[in-house]
């Protein structure tokens, strides 16, 4: 009886490495998504233009407004 290996060691190692980088990226995405500033941008982006105007904002200024003390834009 013959036995064939369809998953060579090199492929397993490559998948393991990709898994590490995927986990790192997942962690970075999680950090970004839980950032209160990112949530604020998402909230303001969900408003319509008249609601933004009532707050004295334009859609293109949302990020500048939320990050004004950090990015110095």
Protein backbone atom coordinates (compact mmCIF):
# COMPACT_ATOMS: atom_id res chain seq x y z
CA UNK A 1 0.00 0.00 0.00
CA UNK A 2 1.26 3.48 -0.88
CA UNK A 3 0.87 6.58 1.25
CA UNK A 4 1.09 10.11 -0.15
CA UNK A 5 1.47 13.25 1.91
CA UNK A 6 -0.56 16.10 0.41
CA UNK A 7 0.57 18.69 2.92
CA UNK A 8 4.36 19.14 2.76
CA UNK A 9 6.13 20.67 5.74
CA UNK A 10 6.92 23.87 3.83
CA UNK A 11 3.26 24.61 3.23
CA UNK A 12 2.40 23.93 6.87
CA UNK A 13 5.12 26.34 7.99
CA UNK A 14 3.93 29.01 5.54
CA UNK A 15 0.35 28.66 6.83
CA UNK A 16 1.60 28.92 10.41
CA UNK A 17 3.49 32.12 9.59
CA UNK A 18 0.47 33.59 7.83
CA UNK A 19 -1.56 32.72 10.90
CA UNK A 20 0.76 34.73 13.13
CA UNK A 21 0.52 37.79 10.89
CA UNK A 22 -3.25 37.40 10.64
CA UNK A 23 -3.52 37.34 14.43
CA UNK A 24 -1.33 40.45 14.71
CA UNK A 25 -3.47 42.28 12.15
CA UNK A 26 -6.66 41.14 13.89
CA UNK A 27 -5.29 42.59 17.12
CA UNK A 28 -4.45 45.91 15.48
CA UNK A 29 -7.90 46.11 13.90
CA UNK A 30 -9.47 45.39 17.30
CA UNK A 31 -7.44 48.18 18.90
CA UNK A 32 -8.47 50.62 16.18
CA UNK A 33 -12.14 49.65 16.36
CA UNK A 34 -12.31 50.07 20.13
CA UNK A 35 -10.65 53.49 20.01
CA UNK A 36 -13.16 56.11 21.19
CA UNK A 37 -12.08 58.50 18.45
CA UNK A 38 -12.78 55.95 15.72
CA UNK A 39 -16.21 55.31 17.23
CA UNK A 40 -16.84 59.07 17.27
CA UNK A 41 -15.91 59.35 13.58
CA UNK A 42 -18.28 56.47 12.80
CA UNK A 43 -21.07 58.14 14.76
CA UNK A 44 -20.62 61.51 13.07
CA UNK A 45 -20.32 59.87 9.65
CA UNK A 46 -23.71 58.25 10.19
CA UNK A 47 -25.38 61.66 10.59
CA UNK A 48 -26.91 63.35 7.57
CA UNK A 49 -25.60 66.66 6.24
CA UNK A 50 -28.24 68.79 7.96
CA UNK A 51 -27.47 67.20 11.34
CA UNK A 52 -23.77 67.85 10.78
CA UNK A 53 -24.51 71.45 9.81
CA UNK A 54 -26.45 71.88 13.06
CA UNK A 55 -23.24 70.87 14.86
CA UNK A 56 -21.19 73.27 12.76
CA UNK A 57 -19.46 70.51 10.79
CA UNK A 58 -19.09 69.49 7.18
CA UNK A 59 -18.65 65.84 6.21
CA UNK A 60 -15.09 66.40 4.97
CA UNK A 61 -14.10 67.92 8.34
CA UNK A 62 -15.21 65.04 10.58
CA UNK A 63 -11.79 63.40 10.95
CA UNK A 64 -10.06 66.75 11.41
CA UNK A 65 -12.60 67.67 14.10
CA UNK A 66 -12.31 64.38 16.03
CA UNK A 67 -8.50 64.17 15.88
CA UNK A 68 -7.84 67.93 16.13
CA UNK A 69 -5.83 67.69 19.36
CA UNK A 70 -3.72 64.74 18.17
CA UNK A 71 -2.99 65.27 14.48
CA UNK A 72 -2.68 69.07 14.50
CA UNK A 73 -4.55 69.35 11.20
